[in-house]
Amino acid sequence: MGLDSVEILVNVENAFGITISNYEAEKIATVGDIHCLVWRTLQGRQSMRCKTQQLFHKLRYTLATKFNVPKETIELDASLNEIFPVANRRLLYRKLEKELQLKLPPLELPPGWVVVLLITGAVLIIGTGIISLVLVLRFHYTRWLYLLPVLGILITKFGSNILDSVRTVFEPALLNDYTRLVLTLNYGTLVQENGTNQKEVELVIDHIIADIAGVEVHEVTPEKHLGNDLGID
């Protein structure tokens, strides 16, 4: 199994609080194989209660009562970037995480800052790479200069960390998609509390695979081969 396949299985194990043996892992070829394996492992924890719906109503109640968001605006197709308070958003977001007692996805950089960071990183990394090549090949400086691009990477990462204070964008923005992502991040805990059902198991697995494969979740279907169809090694 390749690194991507191993990462998927590790994330699946963590999400559901289960262990997948090497013998079972070697027989996995398709998305459906993972669905079936995890569901068999979880037998005895079934629940007909829909945690996605439960989580949405919990979010809705918390936003309305603790953050003064008008209840009528909190719909599945609502954008959190529009309805969640903008002032002191990072501080309020930490408060929301504490209120929900769940792990929430981090806020992201606004698009303008993403562009700035990408351009800065490209200039630093490519620029230092060109400089090191010229100095070594043209002027016979030490080959240690080939490590200059690493310095560019470190400076870019440092700059990204400095920009943490301006990370205020919800991604995904739609409350429907956001709720599913929160469910994926906290499924192990929620399963232990309330059991699970097969549809939600498959949804969480699909989100994990889509994230690692770099595809949209609707492209992850049971018949898809992990390697041939989704490009997972």
C-alpha atoms as a PDB file:
ATOM      1  CA  MET A   1       0.000   0.000   0.000  1.00  0.00           C
ATOM      2  CA  GLY A   2       1.164   3.529  -0.809  1.00  0.00           C
ATOM      3  CA  LEU A   3       1.422   6.460   1.584  1.00  0.00           C
ATOM      4  CA  ASP A   4      -1.941   7.911   0.528  1.00  0.00           C
ATOM      5  CA  SER A   5      -3.722   4.599   1.161  1.00  0.00           C
ATOM      6  CA  VAL A   6      -2.095   4.279   4.565  1.00  0.00           C
ATOM      7  CA  GLU A   7      -3.086   7.862   5.422  1.00  0.00           C
ATOM      8  CA  ILE A   8      -6.699   7.131   4.473  1.00  0.00           C
ATOM      9  CA  LEU A   9      -6.843   4.046   6.682  1.00  0.00           C
ATOM     10  CA  VAL A  10      -5.187   5.838   9.608  1.00  0.00           C
ATOM     11  CA  ASN A  11      -7.709   8.676   9.339  1.00  0.00           C
ATOM     12  CA  VAL A  12     -10.581   6.181   9.079  1.00  0.00           C
ATOM     13  CA  GLU A  13      -9.330   4.341  12.171  1.00  0.00           C
ATOM     14  CA  ASN A  14      -9.084   7.606  14.096  1.00  0.00           C
ATOM     15  CA  ALA A  15     -12.501   8.807  12.927  1.00  0.00           C
ATOM     16  CA  PHE A  16     -14.334   5.655  14.021  1.00  0.00           C
ATOM     17  CA  GLY A  17     -12.127   4.508  16.884  1.00  0.00           C
ATOM     18  CA  ILE A  18     -11.399   1.159  15.232  1.00  0.00           C
ATOM     19  CA  THR A  19      -8.358  -0.862  14.156  1.00  0.00           C
ATOM     20  CA  ILE A  20      -7.921  -2.250  10.637  1.00  0.00           C
ATOM     21  CA  SER A  21      -5.520  -5.180  10.373  1.00  0.00           C
ATOM     22  CA  ASN A  22      -2.902  -5.463   7.631  1.00  0.00           C
ATOM     23  CA  TYR A  23      -4.714  -8.551   6.335  1.00  0.00           C
ATOM     24  CA  GLU A  24      -7.962  -6.599   5.939  1.00  0.00           C
ATOM     25  CA  ALA A  25      -6.167  -3.604   4.444  1.00  0.00           C
ATOM     26  CA  GLU A  26      -4.526  -5.705   1.725  1.00  0.00           C
ATOM     27  CA  LYS A  27      -7.960  -6.753   0.407  1.00  0.00           C
ATOM     28  CA  ILE A  28      -9.159  -3.163  -0.088  1.00  0.00           C
ATOM     29  CA  ALA A  29      -9.389  -2.050  -3.717  1.00  0.00           C
ATOM     30  CA  THR A  30     -12.452   0.174  -3.998  1.00  0.00           C
ATOM     31  CA  VAL A  31     -14.252   2.814  -1.953  1.00  0.00           C
ATOM     32  CA  GLY A  32     -17.032   0.292  -1.378  1.00  0.00           C
ATOM     33  CA  ASP A  33     -14.524  -2.138   0.153  1.00  0.00           C
ATOM     34  CA  ILE A  34     -13.723   0.445   2.829  1.00  0.00           C
ATOM     35  CA  HIS A  35     -17.436   1.125   3.380  1.00  0.00           C
ATOM     36  CA  CYS A  36     -18.143  -2.568   3.956  1.00  0.00           C
ATOM     37  CA  LEU A  37     -15.094  -3.187   6.133  1.00  0.00           C
ATOM     38  CA  VAL A  38     -15.807  -0.288   8.473  1.00  0.00           C
ATOM     39  CA  TRP A  39     -19.514  -1.043   8.689  1.00  0.00           C
ATOM     40  CA  ARG A  40     -18.810  -4.693   9.581  1.00  0.00           C
ATOM     41  CA  THR A  41     -16.413  -3.532  12.274  1.00  0.00           C
ATOM     42  CA  LEU A  42     -18.992  -1.144  13.701  1.00  0.00           C
ATOM     43  CA  GLN A  43     -21.811  -3.690  13.934  1.00  0.00           C
ATOM     44  CA  GLY A  44     -23.476  -3.345  17.300  1.00  0.00           C
ATOM     45  CA  ARG A  45     -23.095   0.443  17.381  1.00  0.00           C
ATOM     46  CA  GLN A  46     -25.949   1.199  14.952  1.00  0.00           C
ATOM     47  CA  SER A  47     -28.350   4.042  15.570  1.00  0.00           C
ATOM     48  CA  MET A  48     -31.198   5.368  13.453  1.00  0.00           C
ATOM     49  CA  ARG A  49     -30.632   8.862  14.769  1.00  0.00           C
ATOM     50  CA  CYS A  50     -29.041  11.145  12.186  1.00  0.00           C
ATOM     51  CA  LYS A  51     -26.021  12.832  13.715  1.00  0.00           C
ATOM     52  CA  THR A  52     -25.742  15.247  10.801  1.00  0.00           C
ATOM     53  CA  GLN A  53     -29.193  16.568  11.610  1.00  0.00           C
ATOM     54  CA  GLN A  54     -28.483  16.534  15.344  1.00  0.00           C
ATOM     55  CA  LEU A  55     -25.258  18.448  14.833  1.00  0.00           C
ATOM     56  CA  PHE A  56     -26.955  21.037  12.602  1.00  0.00           C
ATOM     57  CA  HIS A  57     -29.613  21.718  15.237  1.00  0.00           C
ATOM     58  CA  LYS A  58     -26.926  21.945  17.927  1.00  0.00           C
ATOM     59  CA  LEU A  59     -25.014  24.466  15.815  1.00  0.00           C
ATOM     60  CA  ARG A  60     -28.199  26.375  15.083  1.00  0.00           C
ATOM     61  CA  TYR A  61     -29.198  26.550  18.748  1.00  0.00           C
ATOM     62  CA  THR A  62     -25.705  27.634  19.840  1.00  0.00           C
ATOM     63  CA  LEU A  63     -25.370  30.314  17.147  1.00  0.00           C
ATOM     64  CA  ALA A  64     -28.800  31.719  17.959  1.00  0.00           C
ATOM     65  CA  THR A  65     -28.563  31.698  21.763  1.00  0.00           C
ATOM     66  CA  LYS A  66     -24.872  32.381  22.379  1.00  0.00           C
ATOM     67  CA  PHE A  67     -23.871  34.517  19.402  1.00  0.00           C
ATOM     68  CA  ASN A  68     -27.092  36.413  18.668  1.00  0.00           C
ATOM     69  CA  VAL A  69     -27.366  35.133  15.106  1.00  0.00           C
ATOM     70  CA  PRO A  70     -30.992  35.510  13.928  1.00  0.00           C
ATOM     71  CA  LYS A  71     -32.439  32.012  13.930  1.00  0.00           C
ATOM     72  CA  GLU A  72     -34.268  32.507  10.628  1.00  0.00           C
ATOM     73  CA  THR A  73     -30.917  33.083   8.857  1.00  0.00           C
ATOM     74  CA  ILE A  74     -29.425  29.794  10.057  1.00  0.00           C
ATOM     75  CA  GLU A  75     -30.372  27.490   7.207  1.00  0.00           C
ATOM     76  CA  LEU A  76     -28.435  24.665   5.554  1.00  0.00           C
ATOM     77  CA  ASP A  77     -27.649  26.826   2.524  1.00  0.00           C
ATOM     78  CA  ALA A  78     -26.592  29.840   4.616  1.00  0.00           C
ATOM     79  CA  SER A  79     -23.001  31.087   4.373  1.00  0.00           C
ATOM     80  CA  LEU A  80     -21.236  31.221   7.735  1.00  0.00           C
ATOM     81  CA  ASN A  81     -19.079  34.031   6.384  1.00  0.00           C
ATOM     82  CA  GLU A  82     -22.256  36.113   6.134  1.00  0.00           C
ATOM     83  CA  ILE A  83     -24.160  35.130   9.266  1.00  0.00           C
ATOM     84  CA  PHE A  84     -21.367  34.611  11.838  1.00  0.00           C
ATOM     85  CA  PRO A  85     -20.286  37.847  13.584  1.00  0.00           C
ATOM     86  CA  VAL A  86     -17.324  39.510  11.866  1.00  0.00           C
ATOM     87  CA  ALA A  87     -16.076  41.582  14.814  1.00  0.00           C
ATOM     88  CA  ASN A  88     -13.642  39.552  16.948  1.00  0.00           C
ATOM     89  CA  ARG A  89     -14.440  36.514  14.810  1.00  0.00           C
ATOM     90  CA  ARG A  90     -11.382  34.476  15.849  1.00  0.00           C
ATOM     91  CA  LEU A  91     -12.114  35.021  19.547  1.00  0.00           C
ATOM     92  CA  LEU A  92     -15.784  34.159  19.039  1.00  0.00           C
ATOM     93  CA  TYR A  93     -14.834  31.084  17.029  1.00  0.00           C
ATOM     94  CA  ARG A  94     -12.775  29.744  19.911  1.00  0.00           C
ATOM     95  CA  LYS A  95     -15.772  30.401  22.147  1.00  0.00           C
ATOM     96  CA  LEU A  96     -17.989  28.466  19.711  1.00  0.00           C
ATOM     97  CA  GLU A  97     -15.607  25.499  19.839  1.00  0.00           C
ATOM     98  CA  LYS A  98     -15.724  25.571  23.626  1.00  0.00           C
ATOM     99  CA  GLU A  99     -19.521  25.816  23.686  1.00  0.00           C
ATOM    100  CA  LEU A 100     -19.943  22.886  21.309  1.00  0.00           C
ATOM    101  CA  GLN A 101     -17.157  20.832  22.945  1.00  0.00           C
ATOM    102  CA  LEU A 102     -16.174  19.668  19.477  1.00  0.00           C
ATOM    103  CA  LYS A 103     -13.121  20.043  17.274  1.00  0.00           C
ATOM    104  CA  LEU A 104     -13.815  22.673  14.604  1.00  0.00           C
ATOM    105  CA  PRO A 105     -11.941  23.183  11.318  1.00  0.00           C
ATOM    106  CA  PRO A 106      -9.544  26.147  11.385  1.00  0.00           C
ATOM    107  CA  LEU A 107     -10.513  29.457   9.855  1.00  0.00           C
ATOM    108  CA  GLU A 108      -8.766  30.242   6.559  1.00  0.00           C
ATOM    109  CA  LEU A 109      -7.048  33.292   5.046  1.00  0.00           C
ATOM    110  CA  PRO A 110      -9.113  35.721   2.940  1.00  0.00           C
ATOM    111  CA  PRO A 111      -8.509  35.202  -0.826  1.00  0.00           C
ATOM    112  CA  GLY A 112      -6.366  38.352  -1.112  1.00  0.00           C
ATOM    113  CA  TRP A 113      -3.971  37.177   1.567  1.00  0.00           C
ATOM    114  CA  VAL A 114      -3.818  33.710  -0.014  1.00  0.00           C
ATOM    115  CA  VAL A 115      -2.621  35.295  -3.263  1.00  0.00           C
ATOM    116  CA  VAL A 116      -0.045  37.419  -1.421  1.00  0.00           C
ATOM    117  CA  LEU A 117       1.281  34.394   0.455  1.00  0.00           C
ATOM    118  CA  LEU A 118       1.468  32.252  -2.698  1.00  0.00           C
ATOM    119  CA  ILE A 119       3.299  34.949  -4.677  1.00  0.00           C
ATOM    120  CA  THR A 120       5.690  35.678  -1.811  1.00  0.00           C
ATOM    121  CA  GLY A 121       6.425  31.989  -1.339  1.00  0.00           C
ATOM    122  CA  ALA A 122       7.009  31.457  -5.053  1.00  0.00           C
ATOM    123  CA  VAL A 123       9.372  34.454  -5.272  1.00  0.00           C
ATOM    124  CA  LEU A 124      11.331  33.385  -2.198  1.00  0.00           C
ATOM    125  CA  ILE A 125      11.634  29.704  -3.101  1.00  0.00           C
ATOM    126  CA  ILE A 126      12.242  30.106  -6.833  1.00  0.00           C
ATOM    127  CA  GLY A 127      14.431  33.181  -6.311  1.00  0.00           C
ATOM    128  CA  THR A 128      16.689  31.514  -3.777  1.00  0.00           C
ATOM    129  CA  GLY A 129      16.850  28.445  -6.023  1.00  0.00           C
ATOM    130  CA  ILE A 130      18.050  30.514  -8.983  1.00  0.00           C
ATOM    131  CA  ILE A 131      20.555  32.414  -6.833  1.00  0.00           C
ATOM    132  CA  SER A 132      22.006  29.174  -5.435  1.00  0.00           C
ATOM    133  CA  LEU A 133      22.361  27.683  -8.939  1.00  0.00           C
ATOM    134  CA  VAL A 134      24.162  30.783 -10.237  1.00  0.00           C
ATOM    135  CA  LEU A 135      26.521  31.021  -7.271  1.00  0.00           C
ATOM    136  CA  VAL A 136      27.417  27.320  -7.349  1.00  0.00           C
ATOM    137  CA  LEU A 137      27.618  26.721 -11.115  1.00  0.00           C
ATOM    138  CA  ARG A 138      28.933  30.107 -12.213  1.00  0.00           C
ATOM    139  CA  PHE A 139      31.054  31.235  -9.311  1.00  0.00           C
ATOM    140  CA  HIS A 140      31.859  27.820  -7.779  1.00  0.00           C
ATOM    141  CA  TYR A 141      30.477  28.573  -4.338  1.00  0.00           C
ATOM    142  CA  THR A 142      29.863  25.719  -1.918  1.00  0.00           C
ATOM    143  CA  ARG A 143      27.053  23.319  -2.824  1.00  0.00           C
ATOM    144  CA  TRP A 144      25.556  23.969   0.571  1.00  0.00           C
ATOM    145  CA  LEU A 145      23.935  26.954  -1.137  1.00  0.00           C
ATOM    146  CA  TYR A 146      21.536  24.481  -2.743  1.00  0.00           C
ATOM    147  CA  LEU A 147      19.801  24.565   0.627  1.00  0.00           C
ATOM    148  CA  LEU A 148      18.810  28.218   0.117  1.00  0.00           C
ATOM    149  CA  PRO A 149      15.313  27.264  -1.177  1.00  0.00           C
ATOM    150  CA  VAL A 150      14.745  25.549   2.171  1.00  0.00           C
ATOM    151  CA  LEU A 151      15.279  28.946   3.765  1.00  0.00           C
ATOM    152  CA  GLY A 152      12.662  30.335   1.407  1.00  0.00           C
ATOM    153  CA  ILE A 153      10.225  27.630   2.503  1.00  0.00           C
ATOM    154  CA  LEU A 154      10.894  28.365   6.187  1.00  0.00           C
ATOM    155  CA  ILE A 155      10.397  32.114   5.690  1.00  0.00           C
ATOM    156  CA  THR A 156       7.126  31.456   3.840  1.00  0.00           C
ATOM    157  CA  LYS A 157       5.929  29.177   6.633  1.00  0.00           C
ATOM    158  CA  PHE A 158       6.904  31.797   9.205  1.00  0.00           C
ATOM    159  CA  GLY A 159       4.954  34.409   7.255  1.00  0.00           C
ATOM    160  CA  SER A 160       1.955  32.083   7.137  1.00  0.00           C
ATOM    161  CA  ASN A 161       2.093  31.698  10.925  1.00  0.00           C
ATOM    162  CA  ILE A 162       2.275  35.472  11.373  1.00  0.00           C
ATOM    163  CA  LEU A 163      -0.913  35.776   9.312  1.00  0.00           C
ATOM    164  CA  ASP A 164      -2.869  33.602  11.766  1.00  0.00           C
ATOM    165  CA  SER A 165      -4.499  36.740  13.154  1.00  0.00           C
ATOM    166  CA  VAL A 166      -6.182  37.450   9.795  1.00  0.00           C
ATOM    167  CA  ARG A 167      -7.538  33.939   9.263  1.00  0.00           C
ATOM    168  CA  THR A 168     -11.228  34.721   9.503  1.00  0.00           C
ATOM    169  CA  VAL A 169     -12.829  32.899   6.572  1.00  0.00           C
ATOM    170  CA  PHE A 170     -15.039  29.820   6.978  1.00  0.00           C
ATOM    171  CA  GLU A 171     -14.122  27.042   4.547  1.00  0.00           C
ATOM    172  CA  PRO A 172     -16.389  25.411   3.564  1.00  0.00           C
ATOM    173  CA  ALA A 173     -18.701  28.384   3.945  1.00  0.00           C
ATOM    174  CA  LEU A 174     -22.131  26.780   3.523  1.00  0.00           C
ATOM    175  CA  LEU A 175     -23.533  25.544   6.814  1.00  0.00           C
ATOM    176  CA  ASN A 176     -24.566  22.229   5.228  1.00  0.00           C
ATOM    177  CA  ASP A 177     -21.001  21.422   4.104  1.00  0.00           C
ATOM    178  CA  TYR A 178     -19.503  22.842   7.286  1.00  0.00           C
ATOM    179  CA  THR A 179     -21.713  20.620   9.443  1.00  0.00           C
ATOM    180  CA  ARG A 180     -20.571  17.540   7.537  1.00  0.00           C
ATOM    181  CA  LEU A 181     -16.927  18.494   7.979  1.00  0.00           C
ATOM    182  CA  VAL A 182     -17.410  18.990  11.722  1.00  0.00           C
ATOM    183  CA  LEU A 183     -19.108  15.588  11.809  1.00  0.00           C
ATOM    184  CA  THR A 184     -16.097  14.033  10.067  1.00  0.00           C
ATOM    185  CA  LEU A 185     -13.660  15.620  12.523  1.00  0.00           C
ATOM    186  CA  ASN A 186     -15.597  14.414  15.584  1.00  0.00           C
ATOM    187  CA  TYR A 187     -17.199  11.182  14.445  1.00  0.00           C
ATOM    188  CA  GLY A 188     -15.288   8.925  16.837  1.00  0.00           C
ATOM    189  CA  THR A 189     -16.600  10.833  19.845  1.00  0.00           C
ATOM    190  CA  LEU A 190     -20.145  11.062  18.513  1.00  0.00           C
ATOM    191  CA  VAL A 191     -20.234   7.347  17.708  1.00  0.00           C
ATOM    192  CA  GLN A 192     -19.296   6.467  21.270  1.00  0.00           C
ATOM    193  CA  GLU A 193     -22.084   8.698  22.567  1.00  0.00           C
ATOM    194  CA  ASN A 194     -24.960   7.835  20.252  1.00  0.00           C
ATOM    195  CA  GLY A 195     -24.072   4.944  17.956  1.00  0.00           C
ATOM    196  CA  THR A 196     -24.004   5.271  14.185  1.00  0.00           C
ATOM    197  CA  ASN A 197     -25.760   4.380  10.957  1.00  0.00           C
ATOM    198  CA  GLN A 198     -24.446   3.129   7.638  1.00  0.00           C
ATOM    199  CA  LYS A 199     -25.207   6.234   5.586  1.00  0.00           C
ATOM    200  CA  GLU A 200     -23.222   8.481   7.903  1.00  0.00           C
ATOM    201  CA  VAL A 201     -20.358   5.980   8.064  1.00  0.00           C
ATOM    202  CA  GLU A 202     -20.060   6.103   4.280  1.00  0.00           C
ATOM    203  CA  LEU A 203     -20.322   9.908   4.250  1.00  0.00           C
ATOM    204  CA  VAL A 204     -17.429  10.296   6.686  1.00  0.00           C
ATOM    205  CA  ILE A 205     -15.283   7.817   4.731  1.00  0.00           C
ATOM    206  CA  ASP A 206     -16.032   9.616   1.459  1.00  0.00           C
ATOM    207  CA  HIS A 207     -14.974  12.952   2.940  1.00  0.00           C
ATOM    208  CA  ILE A 208     -11.700  11.470   4.194  1.00  0.00           C
ATOM    209  CA  ILE A 209     -10.925   9.939   0.784  1.00  0.00           C
ATOM    210  CA  ALA A 210     -11.888  13.119  -1.093  1.00  0.00           C
ATOM    211  CA  ASP A 211      -9.634  15.225   1.114  1.00  0.00           C
ATOM    212  CA  ILE A 212      -6.587  13.006   0.599  1.00  0.00           C
ATOM    213  CA  ALA A 213      -7.230  12.344  -3.112  1.00  0.00           C
ATOM    214  CA  GLY A 214      -7.848  16.042  -3.785  1.00  0.00           C
ATOM    215  CA  VAL A 215     -11.227  15.470  -5.469  1.00  0.00           C
ATOM    216  CA  GLU A 216     -14.802  16.592  -4.829  1.00  0.00           C
ATOM    217  CA  VAL A 217     -16.716  14.360  -2.442  1.00  0.00           C
ATOM    218  CA  HIS A 218     -19.413  13.620  -5.064  1.00  0.00           C
ATOM    219  CA  GLU A 219     -16.692  11.948  -7.165  1.00  0.00           C
ATOM    220  CA  VAL A 220     -16.082   9.372  -4.429  1.00  0.00           C
ATOM    221  CA  THR A 221     -18.544   6.557  -5.122  1.00  0.00           C
ATOM    222  CA  PRO A 222     -18.532   2.914  -3.965  1.00  0.00           C
ATOM    223  CA  GLU A 223     -17.482   1.447  -7.323  1.00  0.00           C
ATOM    224  CA  LYS A 224     -14.445   3.750  -7.704  1.00  0.00           C
ATOM    225  CA  HIS A 225     -11.081   1.994  -7.577  1.00  0.00           C
ATOM    226  CA  LEU A 226      -8.732   3.806  -5.204  1.00  0.00           C
ATOM    227  CA  GLY A 227      -5.779   3.626  -7.563  1.00  0.00           C
ATOM    228  CA  ASN A 228      -7.171   3.432 -11.086  1.00  0.00           C
ATOM    229  CA  ASP A 229     -10.044   5.886 -10.653  1.00  0.00           C
ATOM    230  CA  LEU A 230      -8.971   8.215  -7.821  1.00  0.00           C
ATOM    231  CA  GLY A 231      -5.195   8.151  -8.301  1.00  0.00           C
ATOM    232  CA  ILE A 232      -4.483   7.028  -4.728  1.00  0.00           C
ATOM    233  CA  ASP A 233      -1.234   5.089  -4.374  1.00  0.00           C
END
